[in-house]
Amino acid sequence: MGEARERLLDPVERISEILFGLIMAVTVIGSLSIASGGQGEAREVLAGALGCNLAWGLVDAVMYLVGTVTVRSRNRVLAKRVMDSDPGTGQRLIAKALPEHIAVLTGPEELEGMRRRLLTLSAPRPLLARDDFLTAMALFLFVVVSTFPVVLPFVLTNDAALAMRASRAIALAMLFLAGFMLGRYASHAHPLRTGAAMAALGSMMILVVTALGG
């Protein structure tokens, strides 16, 4: 579960998913025209925004499983090739498979240690395990729940115009917070600027959708 938890909490991936979900929700909500909007139309946009992010969460969860199967299948083939090769060839195969920033720091001794440990493995990992499905479910819930604040105003008020303004304000605040968190994770000297840049991107998306007739 430790590996699954590490993937689930990876800051860049998780914050990026929140950003994508928020931008999608803002885009759908921005398609509502206040001038011609009524309560019925607001409810339709609410359903559309929720459906959009439910779909995004489902796609994200399924692609996580697909990616997991792909990586583990590739690792199985690599492990078999290393086991069937001589030490020198095995080391080269391992070095080639390592990320570039890790490979440049790895010497022959480390590569040989990896090769020997690989030879001691008794059985390959299953392509998909229980923890993988739990992680996929958590990803789905994480993406969907993180966008609920954007559609919440349409539930709390019957005023479509007020709900629209509140929804946009909440989305921009969340975009700012996500950008700020990304800036801090990247050790940016001024994370407030990354937050402001992300909020500006959200504003631009709203303006573009409105200009296109949304």
N, C-alpha and C. Protein backbone atom coordinates (compact mmCIF):
# COMPACT_ATOMS: atom_id res chain seq x y z
N MET A 1 0.83 -1.21 0.00
CA MET A 1 0.00 0.00 0.00
C MET A 1 0.86 1.25 0.00
N GLY A 2 2.13 1.10 0.44
CA GLY A 2 3.00 2.27 0.49
C GLY A 2 3.23 2.85 -0.89
N GLU A 3 3.47 1.97 -1.89
CA GLU A 3 3.68 2.45 -3.26
C GLU A 3 2.44 3.12 -3.80
N ALA A 4 1.26 2.52 -3.54
CA ALA A 4 0.01 3.11 -4.01
C ALA A 4 -0.23 4.46 -3.36
N ARG A 5 0.07 4.55 -2.06
CA ARG A 5 -0.14 5.81 -1.36
C ARG A 5 0.80 6.87 -1.90
N GLU A 6 2.05 6.48 -2.21
CA GLU A 6 3.01 7.44 -2.75
C GLU A 6 2.53 7.98 -4.08
N ARG A 7 2.00 7.11 -4.94
CA ARG A 7 1.49 7.57 -6.22
C ARG A 7 0.28 8.47 -6.02
N LEU A 8 -0.59 8.07 -5.12
CA LEU A 8 -1.81 8.83 -4.91
C LEU A 8 -1.51 10.23 -4.42
N LEU A 9 -0.48 10.40 -3.62
CA LEU A 9 -0.18 11.68 -3.02
C LEU A 9 0.92 12.44 -3.74
N ASP A 10 1.33 11.96 -4.92
CA ASP A 10 2.34 12.70 -5.67
C ASP A 10 1.82 14.09 -5.97
N PRO A 11 2.50 15.14 -5.48
CA PRO A 11 1.95 16.50 -5.58
C PRO A 11 1.67 16.95 -7.00
N VAL A 12 2.61 16.75 -7.91
CA VAL A 12 2.43 17.27 -9.27
C VAL A 12 1.25 16.59 -9.96
N GLU A 13 1.18 15.26 -9.88
CA GLU A 13 0.10 14.54 -10.54
C GLU A 13 -1.25 14.88 -9.95
N ARG A 14 -1.34 14.89 -8.63
CA ARG A 14 -2.65 15.12 -7.99
C ARG A 14 -3.10 16.56 -8.19
N ILE A 15 -2.21 17.53 -8.02
CA ILE A 15 -2.60 18.92 -8.22
C ILE A 15 -2.95 19.17 -9.68
N SER A 16 -2.22 18.52 -10.58
CA SER A 16 -2.53 18.68 -12.01
C SER A 16 -3.93 18.16 -12.31
N GLU A 17 -4.31 17.04 -11.70
CA GLU A 17 -5.64 16.49 -11.92
C GLU A 17 -6.71 17.45 -11.39
N ILE A 18 -6.46 18.06 -10.24
CA ILE A 18 -7.40 19.04 -9.70
C ILE A 18 -7.52 20.23 -10.66
N LEU A 19 -6.39 20.68 -11.19
CA LEU A 19 -6.41 21.80 -12.13
C LEU A 19 -7.22 21.45 -13.37
N PHE A 20 -6.99 20.27 -13.93
CA PHE A 20 -7.74 19.87 -15.11
C PHE A 20 -9.23 19.81 -14.83
N GLY A 21 -9.57 19.20 -13.68
CA GLY A 21 -10.98 19.09 -13.32
C GLY A 21 -11.62 20.44 -13.12
N LEU A 22 -10.90 21.34 -12.47
CA LEU A 22 -11.44 22.69 -12.23
C LEU A 22 -11.64 23.44 -13.55
N ILE A 23 -10.65 23.36 -14.43
CA ILE A 23 -10.76 24.06 -15.71
C ILE A 23 -11.92 23.50 -16.52
N MET A 24 -12.10 22.19 -16.47
CA MET A 24 -13.23 21.59 -17.18
C MET A 24 -14.55 22.08 -16.60
N ALA A 25 -14.63 22.12 -15.26
CA ALA A 25 -15.86 22.57 -14.62
C ALA A 25 -16.14 24.03 -14.93
N VAL A 26 -15.08 24.86 -14.87
CA VAL A 26 -15.24 26.29 -15.18
C VAL A 26 -15.70 26.47 -16.62
N THR A 27 -15.15 25.66 -17.53
CA THR A 27 -15.52 25.77 -18.94
C THR A 27 -16.99 25.43 -19.15
N VAL A 28 -17.45 24.36 -18.49
CA VAL A 28 -18.85 23.96 -18.64
C VAL A 28 -19.77 25.01 -18.02
N ILE A 29 -19.43 25.45 -16.81
CA ILE A 29 -20.27 26.44 -16.13
C ILE A 29 -20.24 27.76 -16.89
N GLY A 30 -19.08 28.08 -17.50
CA GLY A 30 -18.99 29.32 -18.25
C GLY A 30 -19.86 29.34 -19.49
N SER A 31 -20.35 28.17 -19.91
CA SER A 31 -21.22 28.12 -21.09
C SER A 31 -22.63 28.62 -20.80
N LEU A 32 -22.93 28.83 -19.51
CA LEU A 32 -24.26 29.34 -19.15
C LEU A 32 -24.32 30.84 -19.41
N SER A 33 -25.27 31.27 -20.20
CA SER A 33 -25.46 32.70 -20.48
C SER A 33 -26.38 33.30 -19.43
N ILE A 34 -25.85 34.24 -18.68
CA ILE A 34 -26.66 34.85 -17.62
C ILE A 34 -27.83 35.63 -18.22
N ALA A 35 -27.60 36.21 -19.38
CA ALA A 35 -28.66 37.02 -19.97
C ALA A 35 -29.90 36.22 -20.28
N SER A 36 -29.72 34.97 -20.68
CA SER A 36 -30.87 34.15 -21.04
C SER A 36 -31.07 32.99 -20.08
N GLY A 37 -30.27 32.98 -19.01
CA GLY A 37 -30.32 31.83 -18.10
C GLY A 37 -31.45 31.95 -17.11
N GLY A 38 -32.08 30.78 -16.86
CA GLY A 38 -33.08 30.68 -15.81
C GLY A 38 -32.72 29.54 -14.90
N GLN A 39 -33.57 29.25 -13.97
CA GLN A 39 -33.29 28.18 -13.02
C GLN A 39 -33.17 26.84 -13.72
N GLY A 40 -34.02 26.57 -14.70
CA GLY A 40 -33.92 25.32 -15.42
C GLY A 40 -32.58 25.17 -16.11
N GLU A 41 -32.12 26.27 -16.76
CA GLU A 41 -30.85 26.22 -17.44
C GLU A 41 -29.70 26.06 -16.46
N ALA A 42 -29.79 26.71 -15.32
CA ALA A 42 -28.76 26.57 -14.30
C ALA A 42 -28.65 25.13 -13.84
N ARG A 43 -29.78 24.47 -13.67
CA ARG A 43 -29.77 23.06 -13.26
C ARG A 43 -29.14 22.19 -14.35
N GLU A 44 -29.39 22.53 -15.60
CA GLU A 44 -28.79 21.75 -16.68
C GLU A 44 -27.28 21.90 -16.68
N VAL A 45 -26.81 23.12 -16.45
CA VAL A 45 -25.37 23.35 -16.39
C VAL A 45 -24.78 22.65 -15.18
N LEU A 46 -25.49 22.65 -14.06
CA LEU A 46 -25.04 21.94 -12.86
C LEU A 46 -24.85 20.46 -13.17
N ALA A 47 -25.86 19.87 -13.82
CA ALA A 47 -25.77 18.45 -14.17
C ALA A 47 -24.63 18.21 -15.15
N GLY A 48 -24.45 19.14 -16.10
CA GLY A 48 -23.37 18.98 -17.07
C GLY A 48 -22.00 19.05 -16.43
N ALA A 49 -21.81 20.00 -15.49
CA ALA A 49 -20.52 20.14 -14.82
C ALA A 49 -20.21 18.91 -13.97
N LEU A 50 -21.21 18.43 -13.25
CA LEU A 50 -21.02 17.23 -12.44
C LEU A 50 -20.71 16.02 -13.33
N GLY A 51 -21.47 15.88 -14.41
CA GLY A 51 -21.24 14.77 -15.31
C GLY A 51 -19.86 14.82 -15.94
N CYS A 52 -19.42 16.03 -16.29
CA CYS A 52 -18.11 16.20 -16.90
C CYS A 52 -17.01 15.72 -15.97
N ASN A 53 -17.10 16.09 -14.69
CA ASN A 53 -16.05 15.72 -13.75
C ASN A 53 -16.18 14.28 -13.28
N LEU A 54 -17.39 13.74 -13.28
CA LEU A 54 -17.53 12.30 -13.04
C LEU A 54 -16.82 11.52 -14.15
N ALA A 55 -17.01 11.97 -15.39
CA ALA A 55 -16.35 11.32 -16.51
C ALA A 55 -14.84 11.45 -16.42
N TRP A 56 -14.37 12.65 -16.05
CA TRP A 56 -12.93 12.86 -15.91
C TRP A 56 -12.36 11.95 -14.83
N GLY A 57 -13.04 11.84 -13.69
CA GLY A 57 -12.57 10.98 -12.62
C GLY A 57 -12.52 9.52 -13.05
N LEU A 58 -13.54 9.09 -13.80
CA LEU A 58 -13.57 7.70 -14.28
C LEU A 58 -12.43 7.44 -15.25
N VAL A 59 -12.22 8.35 -16.19
CA VAL A 59 -11.13 8.20 -17.15
C VAL A 59 -9.78 8.17 -16.43
N ASP A 60 -9.62 9.05 -15.45
CA ASP A 60 -8.36 9.10 -14.70
C ASP A 60 -8.10 7.78 -13.98
N ALA A 61 -9.14 7.22 -13.36
CA ALA A 61 -8.98 5.95 -12.65
C ALA A 61 -8.65 4.81 -13.60
N VAL A 62 -9.36 4.75 -14.73
CA VAL A 62 -9.12 3.67 -15.69
C VAL A 62 -7.72 3.79 -16.29
N MET A 63 -7.29 5.01 -16.62
CA MET A 63 -5.97 5.18 -17.20
C MET A 63 -4.87 4.88 -16.20
N TYR A 64 -5.14 5.08 -14.92
CA TYR A 64 -4.17 4.69 -13.89
C TYR A 64 -3.96 3.18 -13.93
N LEU A 65 -5.07 2.42 -14.04
CA LEU A 65 -4.96 0.96 -14.11
C LEU A 65 -4.26 0.53 -15.39
N VAL A 66 -4.61 1.18 -16.50
CA VAL A 66 -3.95 0.84 -17.77
C VAL A 66 -2.45 1.12 -17.69
N GLY A 67 -2.09 2.27 -17.12
CA GLY A 67 -0.68 2.60 -16.98
C GLY A 67 0.05 1.63 -16.07
N THR A 68 -0.61 1.21 -14.99
CA THR A 68 0.01 0.25 -14.07
C THR A 68 0.28 -1.07 -14.76
N VAL A 69 -0.70 -1.57 -15.51
CA VAL A 69 -0.53 -2.83 -16.23
C VAL A 69 0.59 -2.71 -17.26
N THR A 70 0.64 -1.59 -17.97
CA THR A 70 1.66 -1.39 -19.01
C THR A 70 3.06 -1.38 -18.41
N VAL A 71 3.24 -0.63 -17.33
CA VAL A 71 4.57 -0.54 -16.70
C VAL A 71 5.00 -1.88 -16.15
N ARG A 72 4.11 -2.59 -15.48
CA ARG A 72 4.49 -3.87 -14.89
C ARG A 72 4.75 -4.93 -15.95
N SER A 73 4.00 -4.89 -17.05
CA SER A 73 4.26 -5.82 -18.14
C SER A 73 5.65 -5.56 -18.73
N ARG A 74 5.98 -4.29 -18.92
CA ARG A 74 7.30 -3.94 -19.45
C ARG A 74 8.39 -4.37 -18.49
N ASN A 75 8.16 -4.18 -17.18
CA ASN A 75 9.16 -4.58 -16.19
C ASN A 75 9.37 -6.09 -16.16
N ARG A 76 8.30 -6.84 -16.38
CA ARG A 76 8.42 -8.30 -16.41
C ARG A 76 9.32 -8.73 -17.57
N VAL A 77 9.09 -8.14 -18.74
CA VAL A 77 9.90 -8.48 -19.90
C VAL A 77 11.35 -8.10 -19.65
N LEU A 78 11.56 -6.91 -19.08
CA LEU A 78 12.92 -6.46 -18.79
C LEU A 78 13.60 -7.40 -17.79
N ALA A 79 12.87 -7.79 -16.75
CA ALA A 79 13.46 -8.69 -15.74
C ALA A 79 13.86 -10.02 -16.36
N LYS A 80 13.03 -10.55 -17.22
CA LYS A 80 13.36 -11.82 -17.86
C LYS A 80 14.59 -11.69 -18.76
N ARG A 81 14.69 -10.59 -19.49
CA ARG A 81 15.85 -10.37 -20.35
C ARG A 81 17.13 -10.25 -19.53
N VAL A 82 17.03 -9.55 -18.38
CA VAL A 82 18.21 -9.41 -17.52
C VAL A 82 18.62 -10.76 -16.96
N MET A 83 17.65 -11.56 -16.52
CA MET A 83 17.96 -12.88 -15.96
C MET A 83 18.58 -13.82 -16.98
N ASP A 84 18.19 -13.67 -18.23
CA ASP A 84 18.69 -14.56 -19.28
C ASP A 84 19.98 -14.05 -19.92
N SER A 85 20.49 -12.90 -19.46
CA SER A 85 21.67 -12.30 -20.07
C SER A 85 22.89 -12.48 -19.18
N ASP A 86 24.05 -12.25 -19.77
CA ASP A 86 25.29 -12.24 -18.98
C ASP A 86 25.34 -10.96 -18.15
N PRO A 87 26.22 -10.91 -17.13
CA PRO A 87 26.25 -9.73 -16.24
C PRO A 87 26.42 -8.40 -16.96
N GLY A 88 27.31 -8.33 -17.93
CA GLY A 88 27.52 -7.06 -18.62
C GLY A 88 26.28 -6.59 -19.36
N THR A 89 25.64 -7.52 -20.10
CA THR A 89 24.43 -7.17 -20.84
C THR A 89 23.30 -6.80 -19.87
N GLY A 90 23.19 -7.54 -18.77
CA GLY A 90 22.16 -7.24 -17.78
C GLY A 90 22.31 -5.86 -17.20
N GLN A 91 23.56 -5.47 -16.91
CA GLN A 91 23.79 -4.13 -16.38
C GLN A 91 23.40 -3.06 -17.39
N ARG A 92 23.72 -3.29 -18.65
CA ARG A 92 23.37 -2.30 -19.69
C ARG A 92 21.85 -2.19 -19.85
N LEU A 93 21.16 -3.31 -19.74
CA LEU A 93 19.70 -3.28 -19.84
C LEU A 93 19.10 -2.49 -18.68
N ILE A 94 19.63 -2.70 -17.49
CA ILE A 94 19.11 -1.98 -16.32
C ILE A 94 19.41 -0.49 -16.45
N ALA A 95 20.64 -0.15 -16.86
CA ALA A 95 21.01 1.26 -17.00
C ALA A 95 20.14 1.96 -18.02
N LYS A 96 19.83 1.26 -19.11
CA LYS A 96 18.99 1.86 -20.15
C LYS A 96 17.57 2.09 -19.67
N ALA A 97 17.10 1.26 -18.75
CA ALA A 97 15.73 1.38 -18.26
C ALA A 97 15.58 2.44 -17.17
N LEU A 98 16.69 2.84 -16.55
CA LEU A 98 16.62 3.82 -15.48
C LEU A 98 16.32 5.21 -16.03
N PRO A 99 15.63 6.06 -15.24
CA PRO A 99 15.47 7.47 -15.65
C PRO A 99 16.84 8.11 -15.83
N GLU A 100 16.91 9.04 -16.75
CA GLU A 100 18.20 9.64 -17.11
C GLU A 100 18.90 10.27 -15.91
N HIS A 101 18.12 10.96 -15.05
CA HIS A 101 18.75 11.63 -13.92
C HIS A 101 19.24 10.64 -12.86
N ILE A 102 18.74 9.40 -12.89
CA ILE A 102 19.24 8.36 -11.99
C ILE A 102 20.39 7.62 -12.63
N ALA A 103 20.30 7.38 -13.94
CA ALA A 103 21.33 6.62 -14.64
C ALA A 103 22.69 7.30 -14.56
N VAL A 104 22.70 8.65 -14.64
CA VAL A 104 23.99 9.35 -14.61
C VAL A 104 24.67 9.26 -13.25
N LEU A 105 23.91 8.91 -12.22
CA LEU A 105 24.48 8.79 -10.87
C LEU A 105 24.78 7.34 -10.49
N THR A 106 24.51 6.42 -11.40
CA THR A 106 24.64 5.00 -11.10
C THR A 106 25.86 4.42 -11.81
N GLY A 107 26.72 3.78 -11.02
CA GLY A 107 27.92 3.17 -11.57
C GLY A 107 27.79 1.67 -11.70
N PRO A 108 28.86 1.00 -12.16
CA PRO A 108 28.83 -0.45 -12.35
C PRO A 108 28.48 -1.22 -11.07
N GLU A 109 28.98 -0.77 -9.92
CA GLU A 109 28.70 -1.49 -8.68
C GLU A 109 27.22 -1.46 -8.34
N GLU A 110 26.60 -0.28 -8.48
CA GLU A 110 25.17 -0.18 -8.20
C GLU A 110 24.35 -1.01 -9.18
N LEU A 111 24.75 -0.98 -10.45
CA LEU A 111 24.02 -1.76 -11.46
C LEU A 111 24.15 -3.26 -11.20
N GLU A 112 25.33 -3.68 -10.81
CA GLU A 112 25.51 -5.10 -10.51
C GLU A 112 24.70 -5.50 -9.29
N GLY A 113 24.64 -4.60 -8.29
CA GLY A 113 23.81 -4.89 -7.13
C GLY A 113 22.34 -5.04 -7.50
N MET A 114 21.86 -4.17 -8.38
CA MET A 114 20.47 -4.28 -8.86
C MET A 114 20.25 -5.59 -9.60
N ARG A 115 21.22 -5.96 -10.44
CA ARG A 115 21.08 -7.19 -11.21
C ARG A 115 21.02 -8.41 -10.29
N ARG A 116 21.87 -8.45 -9.29
CA ARG A 116 21.89 -9.59 -8.38
C ARG A 116 20.61 -9.67 -7.56
N ARG A 117 20.13 -8.52 -7.12
CA ARG A 117 18.87 -8.54 -6.36
C ARG A 117 17.72 -9.00 -7.24
N LEU A 118 17.77 -8.61 -8.50
CA LEU A 118 16.73 -9.04 -9.43
C LEU A 118 16.73 -10.56 -9.60
N LEU A 119 17.91 -11.14 -9.59
CA LEU A 119 18.01 -12.59 -9.75
C LEU A 119 17.44 -13.35 -8.56
N THR A 120 17.33 -12.67 -7.41
CA THR A 120 16.82 -13.35 -6.21
C THR A 120 15.29 -13.30 -6.10
N LEU A 121 14.65 -12.56 -6.98
CA LEU A 121 13.20 -12.46 -6.91
C LEU A 121 12.58 -13.81 -7.23
N SER A 122 11.64 -14.22 -6.38
CA SER A 122 11.04 -15.55 -6.54
C SER A 122 9.88 -15.54 -7.53
N ALA A 123 9.08 -14.49 -7.51
CA ALA A 123 7.90 -14.46 -8.39
C ALA A 123 7.61 -13.01 -8.77
N PRO A 124 7.14 -12.77 -9.99
CA PRO A 124 6.81 -11.40 -10.40
C PRO A 124 5.56 -10.89 -9.69
N ARG A 125 5.47 -9.59 -9.60
CA ARG A 125 4.28 -8.97 -9.01
C ARG A 125 3.10 -9.18 -9.94
N PRO A 126 1.89 -9.31 -9.38
CA PRO A 126 0.70 -9.39 -10.26
C PRO A 126 0.53 -8.09 -11.03
N LEU A 127 -0.04 -8.20 -12.22
CA LEU A 127 -0.23 -7.00 -13.03
C LEU A 127 -1.16 -6.01 -12.34
N LEU A 128 -2.17 -6.51 -11.66
CA LEU A 128 -3.07 -5.67 -10.89
C LEU A 128 -3.39 -6.36 -9.57
N ALA A 129 -3.30 -5.61 -8.49
CA ALA A 129 -3.59 -6.14 -7.18
C ALA A 129 -4.71 -5.33 -6.53
N ARG A 130 -5.14 -5.76 -5.37
CA ARG A 130 -6.24 -5.10 -4.67
C ARG A 130 -5.92 -3.63 -4.41
N ASP A 131 -4.69 -3.35 -4.01
CA ASP A 131 -4.31 -1.97 -3.70
C ASP A 131 -4.40 -1.06 -4.93
N ASP A 132 -4.16 -1.63 -6.11
CA ASP A 132 -4.26 -0.82 -7.33
C ASP A 132 -5.69 -0.37 -7.58
N PHE A 133 -6.65 -1.28 -7.36
CA PHE A 133 -8.05 -0.91 -7.54
C PHE A 133 -8.49 0.09 -6.47
N LEU A 134 -7.98 -0.06 -5.25
CA LEU A 134 -8.30 0.91 -4.20
C LEU A 134 -7.73 2.29 -4.55
N THR A 135 -6.53 2.30 -5.09
CA THR A 135 -5.93 3.57 -5.49
C THR A 135 -6.72 4.21 -6.62
N ALA A 136 -7.14 3.40 -7.60
CA ALA A 136 -7.94 3.94 -8.70
C ALA A 136 -9.25 4.52 -8.19
N MET A 137 -9.89 3.83 -7.23
CA MET A 137 -11.13 4.35 -6.65
C MET A 137 -10.87 5.66 -5.90
N ALA A 138 -9.76 5.71 -5.18
CA ALA A 138 -9.42 6.94 -4.45
C ALA A 138 -9.16 8.09 -5.41
N LEU A 139 -8.50 7.81 -6.53
CA LEU A 139 -8.26 8.85 -7.54
C LEU A 139 -9.58 9.38 -8.09
N PHE A 140 -10.50 8.47 -8.38
CA PHE A 140 -11.81 8.88 -8.90
C PHE A 140 -12.50 9.82 -7.90
N LEU A 141 -12.55 9.42 -6.64
CA LEU A 141 -13.21 10.23 -5.62
C LEU A 141 -12.49 11.56 -5.41
N PHE A 142 -11.17 11.52 -5.46
CA PHE A 142 -10.37 12.72 -5.23
C PHE A 142 -10.65 13.77 -6.29
N VAL A 143 -10.67 13.34 -7.55
CA VAL A 143 -10.90 14.27 -8.66
C VAL A 143 -12.31 14.83 -8.61
N VAL A 144 -13.30 13.97 -8.34
CA VAL A 144 -14.70 14.40 -8.35
C VAL A 144 -14.99 15.33 -7.17
N VAL A 145 -14.59 14.91 -5.98
CA VAL A 145 -14.90 15.69 -4.78
C VAL A 145 -14.22 17.05 -4.82
N SER A 146 -13.01 17.11 -5.39
CA SER A 146 -12.28 18.37 -5.40
C SER A 146 -12.97 19.44 -6.25
N THR A 147 -13.88 19.05 -7.14
CA THR A 147 -14.57 20.03 -7.98
C THR A 147 -15.99 20.33 -7.49
N PHE A 148 -16.44 19.67 -6.42
CA PHE A 148 -17.76 19.95 -5.90
C PHE A 148 -17.95 21.41 -5.46
N PRO A 149 -16.94 22.04 -4.84
CA PRO A 149 -17.15 23.45 -4.43
C PRO A 149 -17.54 24.36 -5.58
N VAL A 150 -17.11 24.03 -6.81
CA VAL A 150 -17.41 24.89 -7.95
C VAL A 150 -18.90 24.86 -8.29
N VAL A 151 -19.55 23.72 -8.10
CA VAL A 151 -20.98 23.60 -8.44
C VAL A 151 -21.88 23.79 -7.23
N LEU A 152 -21.28 23.90 -6.05
CA LEU A 152 -22.08 24.04 -4.83
C LEU A 152 -23.00 25.25 -4.84
N PRO A 153 -22.57 26.42 -5.37
CA PRO A 153 -23.49 27.58 -5.37
C PRO A 153 -24.81 27.32 -6.08
N PHE A 154 -24.82 26.47 -7.11
CA PHE A 154 -26.05 26.18 -7.82
C PHE A 154 -27.01 25.34 -6.99
N VAL A 155 -26.47 24.72 -5.95
CA VAL A 155 -27.31 23.94 -5.03
C VAL A 155 -27.85 24.83 -3.91
N LEU A 156 -27.08 25.82 -3.52
CA LEU A 156 -27.41 26.63 -2.34
C LEU A 156 -28.30 27.83 -2.65
N THR A 157 -28.38 28.23 -3.92
CA THR A 157 -29.18 29.41 -4.24
C THR A 157 -30.00 29.17 -5.50
N ASN A 158 -31.15 29.82 -5.57
CA ASN A 158 -32.00 29.76 -6.76
C ASN A 158 -31.69 30.87 -7.76
N ASP A 159 -30.79 31.78 -7.36
CA ASP A 159 -30.40 32.89 -8.23
C ASP A 159 -29.28 32.41 -9.14
N ALA A 160 -29.61 32.18 -10.42
CA ALA A 160 -28.63 31.63 -11.35
C ALA A 160 -27.45 32.57 -11.54
N ALA A 161 -27.71 33.87 -11.63
CA ALA A 161 -26.63 34.84 -11.84
C ALA A 161 -25.70 34.88 -10.63
N LEU A 162 -26.27 34.87 -9.42
CA LEU A 162 -25.46 34.86 -8.21
C LEU A 162 -24.65 33.58 -8.11
N ALA A 163 -25.29 32.46 -8.43
CA ALA A 163 -24.58 31.18 -8.39
C ALA A 163 -23.43 31.17 -9.37
N MET A 164 -23.63 31.76 -10.54
CA MET A 164 -22.57 31.82 -11.54
C MET A 164 -21.37 32.60 -11.02
N ARG A 165 -21.63 33.78 -10.44
CA ARG A 165 -20.52 34.60 -9.94
C ARG A 165 -19.79 33.90 -8.80
N ALA A 166 -20.55 33.29 -7.89
CA ALA A 166 -19.93 32.60 -6.76
C ALA A 166 -19.12 31.40 -7.24
N SER A 167 -19.65 30.69 -8.23
CA SER A 167 -18.94 29.52 -8.75
C SER A 167 -17.62 29.93 -9.38
N ARG A 168 -17.63 31.00 -10.15
CA ARG A 168 -16.40 31.47 -10.77
C ARG A 168 -15.39 31.92 -9.72
N ALA A 169 -15.87 32.62 -8.69
CA ALA A 169 -14.97 33.09 -7.64
C ALA A 169 -14.33 31.91 -6.91
N ILE A 170 -15.12 30.88 -6.61
CA ILE A 170 -14.59 29.70 -5.93
C ILE A 170 -13.58 28.98 -6.81
N ALA A 171 -13.89 28.85 -8.10
CA ALA A 171 -12.98 28.18 -9.02
C ALA A 171 -11.64 28.92 -9.12
N LEU A 172 -11.70 30.23 -9.22
CA LEU A 172 -10.47 31.01 -9.32
C LEU A 172 -9.66 30.92 -8.03
N ALA A 173 -10.34 30.92 -6.88
CA ALA A 173 -9.63 30.78 -5.61
C ALA A 173 -8.94 29.43 -5.52
N MET A 174 -9.62 28.38 -5.98
CA MET A 174 -9.03 27.05 -5.94
C MET A 174 -7.89 26.92 -6.94
N LEU A 175 -8.03 27.55 -8.11
CA LEU A 175 -6.94 27.56 -9.08
C LEU A 175 -5.72 28.28 -8.51
N PHE A 176 -5.95 29.39 -7.82
CA PHE A 176 -4.85 30.12 -7.18
C PHE A 176 -4.15 29.23 -6.15
N LEU A 177 -4.95 28.55 -5.32
CA LEU A 177 -4.37 27.69 -4.28
C LEU A 177 -3.57 26.54 -4.90
N ALA A 178 -4.11 25.94 -5.96
CA ALA A 178 -3.40 24.85 -6.61
C ALA A 178 -2.09 25.34 -7.23
N GLY A 179 -2.15 26.49 -7.89
CA GLY A 179 -0.93 27.05 -8.46
C GLY A 179 0.09 27.40 -7.39
N PHE A 180 -0.38 27.91 -6.25
CA PHE A 180 0.51 28.23 -5.14
C PHE A 180 1.19 26.97 -4.61
N MET A 181 0.43 25.89 -4.48
CA MET A 181 0.99 24.62 -4.00
C MET A 181 2.01 24.06 -4.98
N LEU A 182 1.74 24.17 -6.28
CA LEU A 182 2.71 23.73 -7.28
C LEU A 182 3.99 24.56 -7.19
N GLY A 183 3.84 25.86 -6.98
CA GLY A 183 5.00 26.72 -6.85
C GLY A 183 5.85 26.36 -5.65
N ARG A 184 5.21 26.07 -4.55
CA ARG A 184 5.95 25.68 -3.35
C ARG A 184 6.64 24.34 -3.55
N TYR A 185 5.95 23.40 -4.18
CA TYR A 185 6.56 22.10 -4.42
C TYR A 185 7.79 22.22 -5.33
N ALA A 186 7.71 23.13 -6.30
CA ALA A 186 8.82 23.35 -7.23
C ALA A 186 9.90 24.25 -6.63
N SER A 187 9.73 24.64 -5.36
CA SER A 187 10.67 25.54 -4.67
C SER A 187 10.81 26.87 -5.40
N HIS A 188 9.70 27.32 -5.97
CA HIS A 188 9.69 28.61 -6.65
C HIS A 188 9.92 29.72 -5.62
N ALA A 189 10.73 30.69 -6.01
CA ALA A 189 11.05 31.78 -5.08
C ALA A 189 9.83 32.57 -4.69
N HIS A 190 8.84 32.65 -5.59
CA HIS A 190 7.62 33.42 -5.32
C HIS A 190 6.40 32.57 -5.70
N PRO A 191 6.00 31.63 -4.83
CA PRO A 191 4.85 30.77 -5.17
C PRO A 191 3.55 31.53 -5.36
N LEU A 192 3.46 32.74 -4.77
CA LEU A 192 2.26 33.54 -5.00
C LEU A 192 2.11 33.88 -6.48
N ARG A 193 3.22 33.99 -7.18
CA ARG A 193 3.16 34.31 -8.60
C ARG A 193 2.61 33.13 -9.39
N THR A 194 3.01 31.92 -9.03
CA THR A 194 2.47 30.76 -9.73
C THR A 194 0.98 30.61 -9.45
N GLY A 195 0.57 30.95 -8.22
CA GLY A 195 -0.86 30.93 -7.91
C GLY A 195 -1.62 31.96 -8.72
N ALA A 196 -1.06 33.16 -8.82
CA ALA A 196 -1.70 34.20 -9.61
C ALA A 196 -1.75 33.83 -11.09
N ALA A 197 -0.69 33.20 -11.58
CA ALA A 197 -0.66 32.79 -12.99
C ALA A 197 -1.73 31.74 -13.27
N MET A 198 -1.92 30.81 -12.34
CA MET A 198 -2.94 29.79 -12.54
C MET A 198 -4.34 30.40 -12.48
N ALA A 199 -4.55 31.34 -11.57
CA ALA A 199 -5.84 32.03 -11.51
C ALA A 199 -6.08 32.84 -12.78
N ALA A 200 -5.03 33.45 -13.31
CA ALA A 200 -5.15 34.20 -14.57
C ALA A 200 -5.53 33.27 -15.71
N LEU A 201 -4.97 32.07 -15.71
CA LEU A 201 -5.32 31.09 -16.73
C LEU A 201 -6.81 30.74 -16.65
N GLY A 202 -7.31 30.56 -15.42
CA GLY A 202 -8.74 30.29 -15.25
C GLY A 202 -9.60 31.44 -15.76
N SER A 203 -9.19 32.66 -15.44
CA SER A 203 -9.92 33.83 -15.92
C SER A 203 -9.94 33.88 -17.44
N MET A 204 -8.80 33.57 -18.06
CA MET A 204 -8.72 33.57 -19.51
C MET A 204 -9.66 32.53 -20.11
N MET A 205 -9.74 31.35 -19.46
CA MET A 205 -10.63 30.32 -19.95
C MET A 205 -12.08 30.79 -19.92
N ILE A 206 -12.47 31.45 -18.83
CA ILE A 206 -13.84 31.96 -18.71
C ILE A 206 -14.12 33.00 -19.78
N LEU A 207 -13.16 33.92 -19.99
CA LEU A 207 -13.35 34.96 -21.00
C LEU A 207 -13.45 34.38 -22.41
N VAL A 208 -12.62 33.36 -22.68
CA VAL A 208 -12.66 32.75 -24.01
C VAL A 208 -14.00 32.07 -24.26
N VAL A 209 -14.48 31.32 -23.26
CA VAL A 209 -15.76 30.65 -23.42
C VAL A 209 -16.89 31.65 -23.61
N THR A 210 -16.85 32.75 -22.83
CA THR A 210 -17.88 33.77 -22.96
C THR A 210 -17.81 34.43 -24.35
N ALA A 211 -16.59 34.71 -24.82
CA ALA A 211 -16.44 35.34 -26.13
C ALA A 211 -16.91 34.44 -27.27
N LEU A 212 -16.84 33.13 -27.05
CA LEU A 212 -17.28 32.18 -28.09
C LEU A 212 -18.77 31.93 -28.04
N GLY A 213 -19.47 32.66 -27.16
CA GLY A 213 -20.91 32.55 -27.12
C GLY A 213 -21.45 31.77 -25.94
N GLY A 214 -20.56 31.47 -24.96
CA GLY A 214 -21.01 30.72 -23.79
C GLY A 214 -21.83 31.56 -22.86
